[in-house]
């Protein structure tokens, strides 16, 4: 989760709410992905990557990183 938080911080997001509003995803979807309650699908990764201004692979790695 720390790696994902770093991506959020670099992109200027302080909260999941802000990221959700920018990406068009629900807060619940982002929370579930961050806490490994669900695996994100390709479209979720793409939307997160666009908002975080990174390549989708970075999002996948951040979400799969050990806490």
Protein backbone atom coordinates (compact mmCIF):
# COMPACT_ATOMS: atom_id res chain seq x y z
CA UNK A 1 0.00 0.00 0.00
CA UNK A 2 2.93 2.32 0.68
CA UNK A 3 4.06 2.18 -2.96
CA UNK A 4 0.56 3.10 -4.11
CA UNK A 5 0.49 5.96 -1.59
CA UNK A 6 3.75 7.23 -3.09
CA UNK A 7 2.17 7.24 -6.56
CA UNK A 8 -0.81 9.15 -5.20
CA UNK A 9 1.40 11.69 -3.48
CA UNK A 10 3.56 12.26 -6.58
CA UNK A 11 0.41 12.89 -8.62
CA UNK A 12 -0.86 15.38 -6.05
CA UNK A 13 -3.62 13.32 -4.45
CA UNK A 14 -3.97 13.49 -0.67
CA UNK A 15 -6.99 11.21 -0.39
CA UNK A 16 -8.69 8.30 -2.11
CA UNK A 17 -11.71 10.58 -2.53
CA UNK A 18 -9.68 12.93 -4.70
CA UNK A 19 -8.30 10.08 -6.78
CA UNK A 20 -11.77 8.59 -7.16
CA UNK A 21 -13.20 11.89 -8.36
CA UNK A 22 -10.40 12.34 -10.89
CA UNK A 23 -10.38 8.77 -12.18
CA UNK A 24 -14.12 8.20 -12.27
CA UNK A 25 -13.74 5.11 -10.09
CA UNK A 26 -15.56 4.60 -6.83
CA UNK A 27 -13.81 5.05 -3.51
CA UNK A 28 -14.78 1.47 -2.70
CA UNK A 29 -13.11 0.13 -5.86
CA UNK A 30 -9.86 1.92 -5.08
CA UNK A 31 -9.99 0.90 -1.41
CA UNK A 32 -10.59 -2.74 -2.33
CA UNK A 33 -7.68 -2.74 -4.79
CA UNK A 34 -5.32 -1.03 -2.34
CA UNK A 35 -6.16 -3.46 0.43
CA UNK A 36 -6.03 -6.48 -1.88
CA UNK A 37 -9.68 -7.35 -1.32
CA UNK A 38 -10.15 -7.57 -5.09
CA UNK A 39 -7.87 -7.64 -8.10
CA UNK A 40 -8.28 -4.66 -10.40
CA UNK A 41 -9.35 -5.32 -13.95
CA UNK A 42 -7.52 -3.80 -16.91
CA UNK A 43 -9.84 -0.82 -17.24
CA UNK A 44 -9.44 0.04 -13.54
CA UNK A 45 -5.65 -0.07 -13.85
CA UNK A 46 -5.81 2.11 -16.96
CA UNK A 47 -8.00 4.74 -15.26
CA UNK A 48 -5.77 4.79 -12.19
CA UNK A 49 -2.65 5.10 -14.36
CA UNK A 50 -4.15 8.03 -16.25
CA UNK A 51 -4.98 9.86 -13.03
CA UNK A 52 -1.66 9.01 -11.40
CA UNK A 53 0.25 10.00 -14.56
CA UNK A 54 2.14 6.71 -14.74
CA UNK A 55 2.27 3.64 -16.97
CA UNK A 56 -0.36 1.00 -16.12
CA UNK A 57 2.43 -1.44 -15.22
CA UNK A 58 3.47 0.87 -12.36
CA UNK A 59 -0.06 0.75 -10.96
CA UNK A 60 -0.12 -3.04 -11.20
CA UNK A 61 3.22 -3.29 -9.41
CA UNK A 62 2.18 -0.80 -6.74
CA UNK A 63 -1.05 -2.67 -6.04
CA UNK A 64 0.74 -6.00 -5.85
CA UNK A 65 3.61 -4.76 -3.64
CA UNK A 66 3.88 -6.24 -0.17
CA UNK A 67 2.79 -3.97 2.63
